[in-house]
Amino acid sequence: MSILKYIQTMRIKRGDFVQSLIEGLYFHAQENQVFQYLQTAEYRQMVSDMERGWEAFRSTLTAEQEKHLDALLTQKLEVVHLEDEASFCSALSIGITLGRL
């Protein structure tokens, strides 16, 4: 049984405990580990370039266009967050499987 299926089974059996555990691990990793991996000159430069590009682009939008863009970007962030959580669960599953070897 894959860890994801196991976790889903445990979630049904034990309610929110396992979900809370996974969320706790995920947020711990986001706050304490991911940040460290992103501390590179390349990442900082890409973020800086992107921010300048967004500022220039947004300055050309009408208020209505900016409102619509903000709604789309909010949806995009939610999708990316779900993808990040899925990647984390996959990595956790792989780690647990490797730990059993």
PDB file of N, CA and C in Angstrom:
ATOM      1  N   MET A   1       0.848  -1.169   0.000  1.00  0.00           N
ATOM      2  CA  MET A   1       0.000   0.000   0.000  1.00  0.00           C
ATOM      3  C   MET A   1       0.898   1.238   0.000  1.00  0.00           C
ATOM      4  N   SER A   2       0.589   2.200  -0.876  1.00  0.00           N
ATOM      5  CA  SER A   2       1.384   3.420  -0.916  1.00  0.00           C
ATOM      6  C   SER A   2       1.129   4.235   0.347  1.00  0.00           C
ATOM      7  N   ILE A   3       2.074   5.086   0.683  1.00  0.00           N
ATOM      8  CA  ILE A   3       1.927   5.896   1.889  1.00  0.00           C
ATOM      9  C   ILE A   3       0.733   6.826   1.768  1.00  0.00           C
ATOM     10  N   LEU A   4       0.475   7.335   0.557  1.00  0.00           N
ATOM     11  CA  LEU A   4      -0.658   8.225   0.379  1.00  0.00           C
ATOM     12  C   LEU A   4      -1.964   7.494   0.665  1.00  0.00           C
ATOM     13  N   LYS A   5      -2.099   6.269   0.148  1.00  0.00           N
ATOM     14  CA  LYS A   5      -3.304   5.482   0.421  1.00  0.00           C
ATOM     15  C   LYS A   5      -3.379   5.150   1.906  1.00  0.00           C
ATOM     16  N   TYR A   6      -2.229   4.827   2.492  1.00  0.00           N
ATOM     17  CA  TYR A   6      -2.184   4.540   3.931  1.00  0.00           C
ATOM     18  C   TYR A   6      -2.650   5.754   4.731  1.00  0.00           C
ATOM     19  N   ILE A   7      -2.125   6.905   4.362  1.00  0.00           N
ATOM     20  CA  ILE A   7      -2.493   8.137   5.055  1.00  0.00           C
ATOM     21  C   ILE A   7      -3.987   8.414   4.895  1.00  0.00           C
ATOM     22  N   GLN A   8      -4.502   8.215   3.681  1.00  0.00           N
ATOM     23  CA  GLN A   8      -5.923   8.428   3.460  1.00  0.00           C
ATOM     24  C   GLN A   8      -6.747   7.465   4.305  1.00  0.00           C
ATOM     25  N   THR A   9      -6.324   6.212   4.404  1.00  0.00           N
ATOM     26  CA  THR A   9      -7.012   5.225   5.227  1.00  0.00           C
ATOM     27  C   THR A   9      -6.961   5.635   6.689  1.00  0.00           C
ATOM     28  N   MET A  10      -5.785   6.068   7.141  1.00  0.00           N
ATOM     29  CA  MET A  10      -5.640   6.482   8.530  1.00  0.00           C
ATOM     30  C   MET A  10      -6.476   7.727   8.801  1.00  0.00           C
ATOM     31  N   ARG A  11      -6.561   8.610   7.835  1.00  0.00           N
ATOM     32  CA  ARG A  11      -7.350   9.829   7.993  1.00  0.00           C
ATOM     33  C   ARG A  11      -8.808   9.460   8.251  1.00  0.00           C
ATOM     34  N   ILE A  12      -9.287   8.468   7.524  1.00  0.00           N
ATOM     35  CA  ILE A  12     -10.663   8.026   7.714  1.00  0.00           C
ATOM     36  C   ILE A  12     -10.818   7.402   9.094  1.00  0.00           C
ATOM     37  N   LYS A  13      -9.834   6.592   9.507  1.00  0.00           N
ATOM     38  CA  LYS A  13      -9.912   5.897  10.783  1.00  0.00           C
ATOM     39  C   LYS A  13      -9.680   6.827  11.970  1.00  0.00           C
ATOM     40  N   ARG A  14      -8.768   7.731  11.835  1.00  0.00           N
ATOM     41  CA  ARG A  14      -8.359   8.543  12.987  1.00  0.00           C
ATOM     42  C   ARG A  14      -8.745  10.009  12.847  1.00  0.00           C
ATOM     43  N   GLY A  15      -9.592  10.289  11.907  1.00  0.00           N
ATOM     44  CA  GLY A  15     -10.056  11.664  11.766  1.00  0.00           C
ATOM     45  C   GLY A  15      -8.982  12.591  11.258  1.00  0.00           C
ATOM     46  N   ASP A  16      -8.853  13.711  11.919  1.00  0.00           N
ATOM     47  CA  ASP A  16      -7.969  14.766  11.441  1.00  0.00           C
ATOM     48  C   ASP A  16      -6.543  14.661  11.953  1.00  0.00           C
ATOM     49  N   PHE A  17      -6.229  13.667  12.786  1.00  0.00           N
ATOM     50  CA  PHE A  17      -4.891  13.580  13.372  1.00  0.00           C
ATOM     51  C   PHE A  17      -3.804  13.501  12.302  1.00  0.00           C
ATOM     52  N   VAL A  18      -3.939  12.561  11.380  1.00  0.00           N
ATOM     53  CA  VAL A  18      -2.902  12.376  10.367  1.00  0.00           C
ATOM     54  C   VAL A  18      -2.830  13.596   9.458  1.00  0.00           C
ATOM     55  N   GLN A  19      -3.988  14.132   9.090  1.00  0.00           N
ATOM     56  CA  GLN A  19      -3.994  15.339   8.260  1.00  0.00           C
ATOM     57  C   GLN A  19      -3.262  16.470   8.967  1.00  0.00           C
ATOM     58  N   SER A  20      -3.509  16.622  10.254  1.00  0.00           N
ATOM     59  CA  SER A  20      -2.827  17.665  11.028  1.00  0.00           C
ATOM     60  C   SER A  20      -1.323  17.414  11.088  1.00  0.00           C
ATOM     61  N   LEU A  21      -0.939  16.147  11.227  1.00  0.00           N
ATOM     62  CA  LEU A  21       0.479  15.800  11.259  1.00  0.00           C
ATOM     63  C   LEU A  21       1.148  16.163   9.934  1.00  0.00           C
ATOM     64  N   ILE A  22       0.532  15.781   8.835  1.00  0.00           N
ATOM     65  CA  ILE A  22       1.104  16.082   7.516  1.00  0.00           C
ATOM     66  C   ILE A  22       1.173  17.588   7.302  1.00  0.00           C
ATOM     67  N   GLU A  23       0.113  18.291   7.661  1.00  0.00           N
ATOM     68  CA  GLU A  23       0.123  19.747   7.515  1.00  0.00           C
ATOM     69  C   GLU A  23       1.219  20.367   8.373  1.00  0.00           C
ATOM     70  N   GLY A  24       1.395  19.865   9.581  1.00  0.00           N
ATOM     71  CA  GLY A  24       2.456  20.370  10.449  1.00  0.00           C
ATOM     72  C   GLY A  24       3.836  20.151   9.850  1.00  0.00           C
ATOM     73  N   LEU A  25       4.057  18.953   9.327  1.00  0.00           N
ATOM     74  CA  LEU A  25       5.339  18.659   8.668  1.00  0.00           C
ATOM     75  C   LEU A  25       5.547  19.544   7.441  1.00  0.00           C
ATOM     76  N   TYR A  26       4.484  19.706   6.668  1.00  0.00           N
ATOM     77  CA  TYR A  26       4.566  20.532   5.443  1.00  0.00           C
ATOM     78  C   TYR A  26       4.936  21.978   5.802  1.00  0.00           C
ATOM     79  N   PHE A  27       4.225  22.559   6.756  1.00  0.00           N
ATOM     80  CA  PHE A  27       4.497  23.944   7.109  1.00  0.00           C
ATOM     81  C   PHE A  27       5.858  24.102   7.780  1.00  0.00           C
ATOM     82  N   HIS A  28       6.271  23.104   8.545  1.00  0.00           N
ATOM     83  CA  HIS A  28       7.618  23.137   9.123  1.00  0.00           C
ATOM     84  C   HIS A  28       8.664  23.168   8.005  1.00  0.00           C
ATOM     85  N   ALA A  29       8.486  22.302   7.017  1.00  0.00           N
ATOM     86  CA  ALA A  29       9.435  22.266   5.899  1.00  0.00           C
ATOM     87  C   ALA A  29       9.426  23.596   5.149  1.00  0.00           C
ATOM     88  N   GLN A  30       8.241  24.145   4.903  1.00  0.00           N
ATOM     89  CA  GLN A  30       8.148  25.420   4.181  1.00  0.00           C
ATOM     90  C   GLN A  30       8.855  26.540   4.946  1.00  0.00           C
ATOM     91  N   GLU A  31       8.641  26.582   6.239  1.00  0.00           N
ATOM     92  CA  GLU A  31       9.190  27.682   7.030  1.00  0.00           C
ATOM     93  C   GLU A  31      10.661  27.510   7.384  1.00  0.00           C
ATOM     94  N   ASN A  32      11.117  26.267   7.510  1.00  0.00           N
ATOM     95  CA  ASN A  32      12.459  26.046   8.043  1.00  0.00           C
ATOM     96  C   ASN A  32      13.451  25.436   7.063  1.00  0.00           C
ATOM     97  N   GLN A  33      12.976  24.803   6.022  1.00  0.00           N
ATOM     98  CA  GLN A  33      13.912  24.142   5.125  1.00  0.00           C
ATOM     99  C   GLN A  33      13.898  24.711   3.713  1.00  0.00           C
ATOM    100  N   VAL A  34      12.715  24.929   3.166  1.00  0.00           N
ATOM    101  CA  VAL A  34      12.615  25.438   1.798  1.00  0.00           C
ATOM    102  C   VAL A  34      13.337  26.769   1.682  1.00  0.00           C
ATOM    103  N   PHE A  35      13.131  27.631   2.661  1.00  0.00           N
ATOM    104  CA  PHE A  35      13.773  28.945   2.660  1.00  0.00           C
ATOM    105  C   PHE A  35      15.285  28.829   2.503  1.00  0.00           C
ATOM    106  N   GLN A  36      15.889  27.889   3.206  1.00  0.00           N
ATOM    107  CA  GLN A  36      17.342  27.707   3.130  1.00  0.00           C
ATOM    108  C   GLN A  36      17.789  27.324   1.721  1.00  0.00           C
ATOM    109  N   TYR A  37      17.009  26.474   1.065  1.00  0.00           N
ATOM    110  CA  TYR A  37      17.371  26.032  -0.283  1.00  0.00           C
ATOM    111  C   TYR A  37      17.230  27.148  -1.318  1.00  0.00           C
ATOM    112  N   LEU A  38      16.442  28.153  -0.992  1.00  0.00           N
ATOM    113  CA  LEU A  38      16.229  29.248  -1.947  1.00  0.00           C
ATOM    114  C   LEU A  38      17.193  30.411  -1.735  1.00  0.00           C
ATOM    115  N   GLN A  39      18.111  30.296  -0.812  1.00  0.00           N
ATOM    116  CA  GLN A  39      19.060  31.366  -0.541  1.00  0.00           C
ATOM    117  C   GLN A  39      20.243  31.306  -1.509  1.00  0.00           C
ATOM    118  N   THR A  40      19.938  31.549  -2.774  1.00  0.00           N
ATOM    119  CA  THR A  40      20.980  31.573  -3.800  1.00  0.00           C
ATOM    120  C   THR A  40      20.908  32.894  -4.556  1.00  0.00           C
ATOM    121  N   ALA A  41      22.014  33.298  -5.113  1.00  0.00           N
ATOM    122  CA  ALA A  41      22.045  34.529  -5.907  1.00  0.00           C
ATOM    123  C   ALA A  41      21.120  34.400  -7.116  1.00  0.00           C
ATOM    124  N   GLU A  42      21.089  33.223  -7.716  1.00  0.00           N
ATOM    125  CA  GLU A  42      20.230  32.998  -8.889  1.00  0.00           C
ATOM    126  C   GLU A  42      18.760  33.221  -8.541  1.00  0.00           C
ATOM    127  N   TYR A  43      18.318  32.671  -7.427  1.00  0.00           N
ATOM    128  CA  TYR A  43      16.920  32.817  -7.013  1.00  0.00           C
ATOM    129  C   TYR A  43      16.603  34.288  -6.722  1.00  0.00           C
ATOM    130  N   ARG A  44      17.470  34.958  -5.957  1.00  0.00           N
ATOM    131  CA  ARG A  44      17.234  36.370  -5.621  1.00  0.00           C
ATOM    132  C   ARG A  44      17.164  37.225  -6.877  1.00  0.00           C
ATOM    133  N   GLN A  45      18.035  36.937  -7.849  1.00  0.00           N
ATOM    134  CA  GLN A  45      18.027  37.714  -9.092  1.00  0.00           C
ATOM    135  C   GLN A  45      16.738  37.475  -9.873  1.00  0.00           C
ATOM    136  N   MET A  46      16.298  36.226  -9.932  1.00  0.00           N
ATOM    137  CA  MET A  46      15.060  35.912 -10.648  1.00  0.00           C
ATOM    138  C   MET A  46      13.862  36.614 -10.002  1.00  0.00           C
ATOM    139  N   VAL A  47      13.801  36.620  -8.670  1.00  0.00           N
ATOM    140  CA  VAL A  47      12.700  37.277  -7.970  1.00  0.00           C
ATOM    141  C   VAL A  47      12.742  38.776  -8.222  1.00  0.00           C
ATOM    142  N   SER A  48      13.915  39.354  -8.162  1.00  0.00           N
ATOM    143  CA  SER A  48      14.061  40.784  -8.406  1.00  0.00           C
ATOM    144  C   SER A  48      13.619  41.152  -9.821  1.00  0.00           C
ATOM    145  N   ASP A  49      14.061  40.376 -10.792  1.00  0.00           N
ATOM    146  CA  ASP A  49      13.674  40.624 -12.191  1.00  0.00           C
ATOM    147  C   ASP A  49      12.161  40.479 -12.369  1.00  0.00           C
ATOM    148  N   MET A  50      11.603  39.471 -11.745  1.00  0.00           N
ATOM    149  CA  MET A  50      10.169  39.242 -11.854  1.00  0.00           C
ATOM    150  C   MET A  50       9.380  40.406 -11.245  1.00  0.00           C
ATOM    151  N   GLU A  51       9.803  40.876 -10.088  1.00  0.00           N
ATOM    152  CA  GLU A  51       9.107  41.981  -9.429  1.00  0.00           C
ATOM    153  C   GLU A  51       9.141  43.237 -10.276  1.00  0.00           C
ATOM    154  N   ARG A  52      10.288  43.521 -10.885  1.00  0.00           N
ATOM    155  CA  ARG A  52      10.372  44.689 -11.771  1.00  0.00           C
ATOM    156  C   ARG A  52       9.459  44.519 -12.981  1.00  0.00           C
ATOM    157  N   GLY A  53       9.422  43.309 -13.527  1.00  0.00           N
ATOM    158  CA  GLY A  53       8.554  43.038 -14.666  1.00  0.00           C
ATOM    159  C   GLY A  53       7.083  43.194 -14.324  1.00  0.00           C
ATOM    160  N   TRP A  54       6.692  42.695 -13.154  1.00  0.00           N
ATOM    161  CA  TRP A  54       5.293  42.830 -12.721  1.00  0.00           C
ATOM    162  C   TRP A  54       4.929  44.286 -12.513  1.00  0.00           C
ATOM    163  N   GLU A  55       5.817  45.058 -11.894  1.00  0.00           N
ATOM    164  CA  GLU A  55       5.539  46.480 -11.686  1.00  0.00           C
ATOM    165  C   GLU A  55       5.327  47.191 -13.015  1.00  0.00           C
ATOM    166  N   ALA A  56       6.191  46.919 -13.976  1.00  0.00           N
ATOM    167  CA  ALA A  56       6.069  47.547 -15.286  1.00  0.00           C
ATOM    168  C   ALA A  56       4.768  47.122 -15.973  1.00  0.00           C
ATOM    169  N   PHE A  57       4.448  45.849 -15.892  1.00  0.00           N
ATOM    170  CA  PHE A  57       3.235  45.343 -16.519  1.00  0.00           C
ATOM    171  C   PHE A  57       1.984  45.926 -15.863  1.00  0.00           C
ATOM    172  N   ARG A  58       1.944  45.908 -14.544  1.00  0.00           N
ATOM    173  CA  ARG A  58       0.763  46.405 -13.831  1.00  0.00           C
ATOM    174  C   ARG A  58       0.518  47.890 -14.088  1.00  0.00           C
ATOM    175  N   SER A  59       1.572  48.627 -14.333  1.00  0.00           N
ATOM    176  CA  SER A  59       1.403  50.063 -14.586  1.00  0.00           C
ATOM    177  C   SER A  59       0.646  50.327 -15.886  1.00  0.00           C
ATOM    178  N   THR A  60       0.517  49.324 -16.737  1.00  0.00           N
ATOM    179  CA  THR A  60      -0.196  49.491 -18.014  1.00  0.00           C
ATOM    180  C   THR A  60      -1.661  49.069 -17.933  1.00  0.00           C
ATOM    181  N   LEU A  61      -2.082  48.512 -16.795  1.00  0.00           N
ATOM    182  CA  LEU A  61      -3.436  47.980 -16.674  1.00  0.00           C
ATOM    183  C   LEU A  61      -4.432  49.015 -16.171  1.00  0.00           C
ATOM    184  N   THR A  62      -5.676  48.845 -16.597  1.00  0.00           N
ATOM    185  CA  THR A  62      -6.758  49.639 -16.024  1.00  0.00           C
ATOM    186  C   THR A  62      -7.106  49.027 -14.666  1.00  0.00           C
ATOM    187  N   ALA A  63      -7.904  49.732 -13.891  1.00  0.00           N
ATOM    188  CA  ALA A  63      -8.310  49.224 -12.577  1.00  0.00           C
ATOM    189  C   ALA A  63      -9.071  47.906 -12.724  1.00  0.00           C
ATOM    190  N   GLU A  64      -9.942  47.817 -13.709  1.00  0.00           N
ATOM    191  CA  GLU A  64     -10.723  46.590 -13.929  1.00  0.00           C
ATOM    192  C   GLU A  64      -9.800  45.436 -14.343  1.00  0.00           C
ATOM    193  N   GLN A  65      -8.841  45.698 -15.205  1.00  0.00           N
ATOM    194  CA  GLN A  65      -7.903  44.658 -15.622  1.00  0.00           C
ATOM    195  C   GLN A  65      -7.056  44.187 -14.446  1.00  0.00           C
ATOM    196  N   GLU A  66      -6.644  45.121 -13.605  1.00  0.00           N
ATOM    197  CA  GLU A  66      -5.833  44.747 -12.443  1.00  0.00           C
ATOM    198  C   GLU A  66      -6.647  43.888 -11.469  1.00  0.00           C
ATOM    199  N   LYS A  67      -7.912  44.229 -11.274  1.00  0.00           N
ATOM    200  CA  LYS A  67      -8.783  43.442 -10.405  1.00  0.00           C
ATOM    201  C   LYS A  67      -8.938  42.023 -10.948  1.00  0.00           C
ATOM    202  N   HIS A  68      -9.141  41.893 -12.247  1.00  0.00           N
ATOM    203  CA  HIS A  68      -9.277  40.577 -12.878  1.00  0.00           C
ATOM    204  C   HIS A  68      -7.972  39.791 -12.777  1.00  0.00           C
ATOM    205  N   LEU A  69      -6.865  40.454 -13.017  1.00  0.00           N
ATOM    206  CA  LEU A  69      -5.556  39.804 -12.907  1.00  0.00           C
ATOM    207  C   LEU A  69      -5.320  39.312 -11.484  1.00  0.00           C
ATOM    208  N   ASP A  70      -5.658  40.122 -10.492  1.00  0.00           N
ATOM    209  CA  ASP A  70      -5.474  39.715  -9.095  1.00  0.00           C
ATOM    210  C   ASP A  70      -6.283  38.457  -8.771  1.00  0.00           C
ATOM    211  N   ALA A  71      -7.506  38.386  -9.296  1.00  0.00           N
ATOM    212  CA  ALA A  71      -8.337  37.198  -9.066  1.00  0.00           C
ATOM    213  C   ALA A  71      -7.698  35.965  -9.699  1.00  0.00           C
ATOM    214  N   LEU A  72      -7.180  36.112 -10.909  1.00  0.00           N
ATOM    215  CA  LEU A  72      -6.519  34.983 -11.582  1.00  0.00           C
ATOM    216  C   LEU A  72      -5.251  34.568 -10.849  1.00  0.00           C
ATOM    217  N   LEU A  73      -4.490  35.536 -10.383  1.00  0.00           N
ATOM    218  CA  LEU A  73      -3.254  35.222  -9.661  1.00  0.00           C
ATOM    219  C   LEU A  73      -3.548  34.535  -8.325  1.00  0.00           C
ATOM    220  N   THR A  74      -4.632  34.911  -7.685  1.00  0.00           N
ATOM    221  CA  THR A  74      -5.033  34.249  -6.442  1.00  0.00           C
ATOM    222  C   THR A  74      -5.351  32.785  -6.715  1.00  0.00           C
ATOM    223  N   GLN A  75      -6.096  32.529  -7.794  1.00  0.00           N
ATOM    224  CA  GLN A  75      -6.395  31.144  -8.171  1.00  0.00           C
ATOM    225  C   GLN A  75      -5.118  30.380  -8.470  1.00  0.00           C
ATOM    226  N   LYS A  76      -4.198  31.013  -9.185  1.00  0.00           N
ATOM    227  CA  LYS A  76      -2.930  30.374  -9.542  1.00  0.00           C
ATOM    228  C   LYS A  76      -2.144  30.013  -8.280  1.00  0.00           C
ATOM    229  N   LEU A  77      -2.111  30.914  -7.317  1.00  0.00           N
ATOM    230  CA  LEU A  77      -1.394  30.638  -6.068  1.00  0.00           C
ATOM    231  C   LEU A  77      -2.005  29.452  -5.331  1.00  0.00           C
ATOM    232  N   GLU A  78      -3.326  29.356  -5.350  1.00  0.00           N
ATOM    233  CA  GLU A  78      -3.990  28.222  -4.705  1.00  0.00           C
ATOM    234  C   GLU A  78      -3.623  26.911  -5.400  1.00  0.00           C
ATOM    235  N   VAL A  79      -3.570  26.927  -6.730  1.00  0.00           N
ATOM    236  CA  VAL A  79      -3.186  25.734  -7.493  1.00  0.00           C
ATOM    237  C   VAL A  79      -1.747  25.344  -7.177  1.00  0.00           C
ATOM    238  N   VAL A  80      -0.861  26.315  -7.168  1.00  0.00           N
ATOM    239  CA  VAL A  80       0.549  26.047  -6.875  1.00  0.00           C
ATOM    240  C   VAL A  80       0.702  25.485  -5.462  1.00  0.00           C
ATOM    241  N   HIS A  81      -0.062  26.016  -4.521  1.00  0.00           N
ATOM    242  CA  HIS A  81      -0.012  25.507  -3.148  1.00  0.00           C
ATOM    243  C   HIS A  81      -0.439  24.038  -3.104  1.00  0.00           C
ATOM    244  N   LEU A  82      -1.513  23.693  -3.791  1.00  0.00           N
ATOM    245  CA  LEU A  82      -1.959  22.295  -3.834  1.00  0.00           C
ATOM    246  C   LEU A  82      -0.912  21.402  -4.493  1.00  0.00           C
ATOM    247  N   GLU A  83      -0.276  21.909  -5.539  1.00  0.00           N
ATOM    248  CA  GLU A  83       0.786  21.140  -6.199  1.00  0.00           C
ATOM    249  C   GLU A  83       1.973  20.943  -5.263  1.00  0.00           C
ATOM    250  N   ASP A  84       2.326  21.986  -4.516  1.00  0.00           N
ATOM    251  CA  ASP A  84       3.421  21.877  -3.541  1.00  0.00           C
ATOM    252  C   ASP A  84       3.100  20.838  -2.467  1.00  0.00           C
ATOM    253  N   GLU A  85       1.865  20.868  -1.973  1.00  0.00           N
ATOM    254  CA  GLU A  85       1.467  19.885  -0.967  1.00  0.00           C
ATOM    255  C   GLU A  85       1.527  18.469  -1.529  1.00  0.00           C
ATOM    256  N   ALA A  86       1.086  18.295  -2.782  1.00  0.00           N
ATOM    257  CA  ALA A  86       1.132  16.968  -3.412  1.00  0.00           C
ATOM    258  C   ALA A  86       2.582  16.509  -3.576  1.00  0.00           C
ATOM    259  N   SER A  87       3.464  17.407  -3.973  1.00  0.00           N
ATOM    260  CA  SER A  87       4.883  17.069  -4.103  1.00  0.00           C
ATOM    261  C   SER A  87       5.466  16.688  -2.749  1.00  0.00           C
ATOM    262  N   PHE A  88       5.104  17.427  -1.719  1.00  0.00           N
ATOM    263  CA  PHE A  88       5.579  17.122  -0.382  1.00  0.00           C
ATOM    264  C   PHE A  88       5.119  15.737   0.053  1.00  0.00           C
ATOM    265  N   CYS A  89       3.828  15.433  -0.149  1.00  0.00           N
ATOM    266  CA  CYS A  89       3.301  14.112   0.227  1.00  0.00           C
ATOM    267  C   CYS A  89       4.018  13.005  -0.558  1.00  0.00           C
ATOM    268  N   SER A  90       4.310  13.269  -1.828  1.00  0.00           N
ATOM    269  CA  SER A  90       5.032  12.286  -2.638  1.00  0.00           C
ATOM    270  C   SER A  90       6.439  12.070  -2.098  1.00  0.00           C
ATOM    271  N   ALA A  91       7.114  13.158  -1.760  1.00  0.00           N
ATOM    272  CA  ALA A  91       8.466  13.046  -1.216  1.00  0.00           C
ATOM    273  C   ALA A  91       8.450  12.336   0.139  1.00  0.00           C
ATOM    274  N   LEU A  92       7.460  12.633   0.949  1.00  0.00           N
ATOM    275  CA  LEU A  92       7.323  11.961   2.237  1.00  0.00           C
ATOM    276  C   LEU A  92       7.104  10.466   2.037  1.00  0.00           C
ATOM    277  N   SER A  93       6.267  10.116   1.070  1.00  0.00           N
ATOM    278  CA  SER A  93       6.005   8.714   0.753  1.00  0.00           C
ATOM    279  C   SER A  93       7.279   8.004   0.315  1.00  0.00           C
ATOM    280  N   ILE A  94       8.047   8.653  -0.531  1.00  0.00           N
ATOM    281  CA  ILE A  94       9.309   8.075  -1.002  1.00  0.00           C
ATOM    282  C   ILE A  94      10.271   7.892   0.177  1.00  0.00           C
ATOM    283  N   GLY A  95      10.358   8.906   1.036  1.00  0.00           N
ATOM    284  CA  GLY A  95      11.243   8.824   2.192  1.00  0.00           C
ATOM    285  C   GLY A  95      10.873   7.687   3.128  1.00  0.00           C
ATOM    286  N   ILE A  96       9.589   7.533   3.374  1.00  0.00           N
ATOM    287  CA  ILE A  96       9.136   6.450   4.250  1.00  0.00           C
ATOM    288  C   ILE A  96       9.417   5.101   3.605  1.00  0.00           C
ATOM    289  N   THR A  97       9.173   4.987   2.306  1.00  0.00           N
ATOM    290  CA  THR A  97       9.453   3.741   1.591  1.00  0.00           C
ATOM    291  C   THR A  97      10.938   3.401   1.635  1.00  0.00           C
ATOM    292  N   LEU A  98      11.784   4.393   1.404  1.00  0.00           N
ATOM    293  CA  LEU A  98      13.232   4.177   1.471  1.00  0.00           C
ATOM    294  C   LEU A  98      13.680   3.805   2.882  1.00  0.00           C
ATOM    295  N   GLY A  99      13.016   4.380   3.864  1.00  0.00           N
ATOM    296  CA  GLY A  99      13.343   4.076   5.249  1.00  0.00           C
ATOM    297  C   GLY A  99      13.044   2.629   5.618  1.00  0.00           C
ATOM    298  N   ARG A 100      12.150   2.012   4.890  1.00  0.00           N
ATOM    299  CA  ARG A 100      11.794   0.613   5.158  1.00  0.00           C
ATOM    300  C   ARG A 100      12.764  -0.365   4.516  1.00  0.00           C
ATOM    301  N   LEU A 101      13.561   0.120   3.581  1.00  0.00           N
ATOM    302  CA  LEU A 101      14.503  -0.780   2.880  1.00  0.00           C
ATOM    303  C   LEU A 101      15.635  -1.222   3.769  1.00  0.00           C
TER     304      LEU A 101
END
